[in-house]
Amino acid sequence: MNFGDILDAWDEEQKAQKKKAKEAQKSTGGEWRTKGQKAAVKAQSASSVTGPSWQDVALGNPLKADQLKTKASKVNPMTEWMRRYGVVDKDAVKEETRRKEAMEDRSALLAMPYEATIDLHGLTGAEANARLDSFIEECRKRDLRKVLIIHGKGNHSETGPVLSGIVRSFIERDWRLGESGHPDKYDGGKGATWVIIRKKEKNGD
């Protein structure tokens, strides 16, 4: 007998055993129990991946440690990170950083000494405007940020404080200038005005 004959004989024996077992199940109701066992095995296999079924909970079956571990391992890492740390609004962070930098810059500018001074005493309105324009432009070229403009209180003028009004109007309409105010009395009080020159942009404007 060769090896092929041996395999054929073995197949015939297996088929005979299966047939005999099937006939025995039909006579004793074993087929129904086998189907029930298969369903239970299938349900148990599914619960090992997705967690315990509602039948397990209803019957009070304890949760196995390996089931909980398997369920926890299915959590998406990105979902877990977002749940723990939340979502970061990059635009809000950038805006808050810019605001803090602006506040720090303003505080530093207000505290810094004057970097240049111009005295407009004795000039007419047209002369004062021309002098102011060239003075501010020169200061910007030198990257100066805070200057003092002396214009007087107008106590000796028959028409009142003309130059102070001209200076105020010049500052309000000139795009190069920002915050302004009067210094303390030791630097001229209301007879002078300090002004912040806006920072030049990267393109030079």
Protein backbone atom coordinates (compact mmCIF):
# COMPACT_ATOMS: atom_id res chain seq x y z
CA MET A 1 0.00 0.00 0.00
CA ASN A 2 1.48 3.35 -1.02
CA PHE A 3 1.11 6.72 0.76
CA GLY A 4 -1.84 7.76 -1.43
CA ASP A 5 -3.76 4.67 -0.43
CA ILE A 6 -3.10 5.41 3.21
CA LEU A 7 -4.53 8.97 2.85
CA ASP A 8 -7.62 7.67 1.08
CA ALA A 9 -8.23 5.15 3.84
CA TRP A 10 -7.82 7.85 6.47
CA ASP A 11 -10.33 10.14 4.71
CA GLU A 12 -12.88 7.34 4.55
CA GLU A 13 -12.46 6.68 8.25
CA GLN A 14 -12.95 10.38 9.12
CA LYS A 15 -16.10 10.62 7.03
CA ALA A 16 -17.51 7.51 8.71
CA GLN A 17 -16.82 8.96 12.18
CA LYS A 18 -18.47 12.29 11.33
CA LYS A 19 -21.53 10.50 9.95
CA LYS A 20 -21.82 8.37 13.06
CA ALA A 21 -21.50 11.40 15.35
CA LYS A 22 -24.14 13.31 13.37
CA GLU A 23 -26.62 10.43 13.64
CA ALA A 24 -25.98 10.21 17.38
CA GLN A 25 -26.67 13.97 17.84
CA LYS A 26 -29.98 13.73 15.98
CA SER A 27 -31.19 10.92 18.22
CA THR A 28 -30.22 12.69 21.50
CA GLY A 29 -30.81 16.40 20.63
CA GLY A 30 -27.07 17.04 20.63
CA GLU A 31 -27.27 19.02 17.40
CA TRP A 32 -29.25 21.78 19.13
CA ARG A 33 -26.75 21.91 21.96
CA THR A 34 -23.85 22.06 19.51
CA LYS A 35 -25.39 25.05 17.75
CA GLY A 36 -25.91 26.74 21.11
CA GLN A 37 -22.29 26.12 22.06
CA LYS A 38 -21.10 27.55 18.73
CA ALA A 39 -23.20 30.70 19.29
CA ALA A 40 -21.78 31.08 22.81
CA VAL A 41 -18.22 30.70 21.52
CA LYS A 42 -18.90 33.31 18.80
CA ALA A 43 -20.37 35.79 21.32
CA GLN A 44 -17.44 35.27 23.68
CA SER A 45 -14.99 35.87 20.82
CA ALA A 46 -16.75 39.14 19.90
CA SER A 47 -16.81 40.35 23.52
CA SER A 48 -13.06 39.80 23.80
CA VAL A 49 -12.58 42.53 21.17
CA THR A 50 -15.41 44.96 21.81
CA GLY A 51 -15.84 44.41 25.55
CA PRO A 52 -18.51 42.52 27.53
CA SER A 53 -21.99 42.25 25.98
CA TRP A 54 -25.20 43.41 27.62
CA GLN A 55 -25.92 39.76 28.43
CA ASP A 56 -22.72 39.63 30.46
CA VAL A 57 -23.77 42.71 32.40
CA ALA A 58 -27.30 41.42 32.94
CA LEU A 59 -26.03 38.04 34.18
CA GLY A 60 -23.52 39.69 36.48
CA ASN A 61 -20.49 38.20 34.78
CA PRO A 62 -17.29 39.89 36.08
CA LEU A 63 -15.20 41.90 33.63
CA LYS A 64 -11.93 40.23 32.87
CA ALA A 65 -8.73 42.23 33.14
CA ASP A 66 -7.60 41.19 29.67
CA GLN A 67 -10.92 42.41 28.21
CA LEU A 68 -10.49 45.84 29.78
CA LYS A 69 -6.90 45.98 28.59
CA THR A 70 -7.92 45.09 25.04
CA LYS A 71 -10.66 47.75 25.06
CA ALA A 72 -8.30 50.42 26.39
CA SER A 73 -5.73 49.60 23.72
CA LYS A 74 -8.29 50.46 21.01
CA VAL A 75 -8.36 54.18 21.99
CA ASN A 76 -6.94 56.41 19.26
CA PRO A 77 -3.72 58.11 20.53
CA MET A 78 -4.80 61.46 19.04
CA THR A 79 -8.20 61.21 20.75
CA GLU A 80 -6.51 60.46 24.06
CA TRP A 81 -4.12 63.42 23.65
CA MET A 82 -6.95 65.85 22.82
CA ARG A 83 -9.00 64.58 25.77
CA ARG A 84 -6.09 65.16 28.12
CA TYR A 85 -4.70 68.46 26.85
CA GLY A 86 -7.60 69.95 24.87
CA VAL A 87 -7.44 71.78 21.54
CA VAL A 88 -4.98 74.68 21.24
CA ASP A 89 -6.20 77.74 19.37
CA LYS A 90 -2.99 78.85 17.66
CA ASP A 91 -4.52 82.13 16.46
CA ALA A 92 -5.58 83.01 20.01
CA VAL A 93 -2.12 82.18 21.37
CA LYS A 94 -0.48 84.28 18.65
CA GLU A 95 -2.79 87.23 19.33
CA GLU A 96 -2.16 87.03 23.09
CA THR A 97 1.59 86.96 22.49
CA ARG A 98 1.34 90.00 20.21
CA ARG A 99 -0.74 91.86 22.78
CA LYS A 100 1.75 91.16 25.57
CA GLU A 101 4.64 92.27 23.38
CA ALA A 102 2.80 95.49 22.51
CA MET A 103 2.12 96.20 26.20
CA GLU A 104 5.75 95.57 27.09
CA ASP A 105 6.88 97.77 24.21
CA ARG A 106 4.53 100.58 25.27
CA SER A 107 5.66 100.41 28.91
CA ALA A 108 9.30 100.54 27.83
CA LEU A 109 8.67 103.51 25.52
CA LEU A 110 6.82 105.51 28.16
CA ALA A 111 9.64 104.97 30.63
CA MET A 112 12.51 105.71 28.25
CA PRO A 113 14.15 109.17 28.05
CA TYR A 114 13.66 111.45 25.04
CA GLU A 115 16.04 110.56 22.24
CA ALA A 116 15.79 113.90 20.39
CA THR A 117 14.31 117.36 20.99
CA ILE A 118 13.10 120.17 18.70
CA ASP A 119 12.28 123.73 19.77
CA LEU A 120 9.67 125.58 17.68
CA HIS A 121 9.79 128.90 19.53
CA GLY A 122 9.64 131.93 17.20
CA LEU A 123 8.43 129.99 14.15
CA THR A 124 5.27 130.67 12.16
CA GLY A 125 2.66 127.96 11.64
CA ALA A 126 3.97 127.05 8.16
CA GLU A 127 7.57 127.03 9.36
CA ALA A 128 6.66 124.85 12.37
CA ASN A 129 4.91 122.27 10.14
CA ALA A 130 7.87 122.11 7.75
CA ARG A 131 10.39 121.78 10.59
CA LEU A 132 8.32 119.08 12.28
CA ASP A 133 7.99 117.06 9.08
CA SER A 134 11.74 117.01 8.40
CA PHE A 135 12.54 116.40 12.09
CA ILE A 136 10.25 113.34 12.35
CA GLU A 137 11.56 111.89 9.08
CA GLU A 138 15.16 112.24 10.24
CA CYS A 139 14.31 110.57 13.55
CA ARG A 140 12.69 107.63 11.75
CA LYS A 141 15.78 107.15 9.62
CA ARG A 142 17.81 106.95 12.83
CA ASP A 143 15.28 104.48 14.36
CA LEU A 144 14.46 106.85 17.22
CA ARG A 145 11.21 106.09 19.02
CA LYS A 146 10.52 108.90 21.52
CA VAL A 147 11.06 112.63 20.96
CA LEU A 148 10.16 115.90 22.69
CA ILE A 149 8.64 118.87 20.87
CA ILE A 150 8.93 122.25 22.66
CA HIS A 151 6.27 124.70 21.52
CA GLY A 152 5.63 126.94 24.53
CA LYS A 153 2.40 127.74 26.36
CA GLY A 154 1.61 130.82 24.29
CA ASN A 155 1.68 133.16 27.30
CA HIS A 156 3.40 135.89 25.30
CA SER A 157 1.27 135.52 22.18
CA GLU A 158 -1.54 137.99 21.47
CA THR A 159 -3.64 135.27 19.81
CA GLY A 160 -3.05 132.52 22.41
CA PRO A 161 -1.12 129.24 22.20
CA VAL A 162 -0.84 128.87 18.42
CA LEU A 163 2.12 126.49 18.20
CA SER A 164 0.67 123.99 20.68
CA GLY A 165 -2.43 123.64 18.47
CA ILE A 166 -0.28 123.21 15.36
CA VAL A 167 1.77 120.48 17.07
CA ARG A 168 -1.35 118.65 18.26
CA SER A 169 -2.90 118.78 14.77
CA PHE A 170 0.34 117.60 13.16
CA ILE A 171 0.57 114.58 15.48
CA GLU A 172 -3.06 113.59 14.94
CA ARG A 173 -2.83 113.52 11.14
CA ASP A 174 0.71 112.13 10.69
CA TRP A 175 0.72 108.33 10.17
CA ARG A 176 4.29 108.08 11.42
CA LEU A 177 3.35 109.20 14.94
CA GLY A 178 1.55 107.37 17.73
CA GLU A 179 0.82 108.08 21.38
CA SER A 180 1.67 111.50 22.77
CA GLY A 181 1.33 113.56 25.93
CA HIS A 182 2.78 116.37 28.04
CA PRO A 183 5.92 115.79 30.11
CA ASP A 184 6.27 116.74 33.76
CA LYS A 185 6.91 120.36 34.65
CA TYR A 186 10.69 119.86 34.74
CA ASP A 187 10.65 119.10 30.99
CA GLY A 188 8.27 121.88 30.03
CA GLY A 189 4.87 120.71 31.25
CA LYS A 190 2.10 121.91 28.92
CA GLY A 191 4.65 123.96 27.00
CA ALA A 192 6.01 120.74 25.40
CA THR A 193 4.72 117.49 23.96
CA TRP A 194 6.38 114.11 23.80
CA VAL A 195 5.43 111.73 21.01
CA ILE A 196 6.13 108.12 20.09
CA ILE A 197 7.37 107.47 16.55
CA ARG A 198 5.90 104.28 15.12
CA LYS A 199 8.26 101.40 14.50
CA LYS A 200 9.30 100.96 10.89
CA GLU A 201 8.00 97.86 9.14
CA LYS A 202 10.37 95.26 7.70
CA ASN A 203 9.82 96.59 4.18
CA GLY A 204 11.05 100.00 5.30
CA ASP A 205 7.66 101.81 5.28
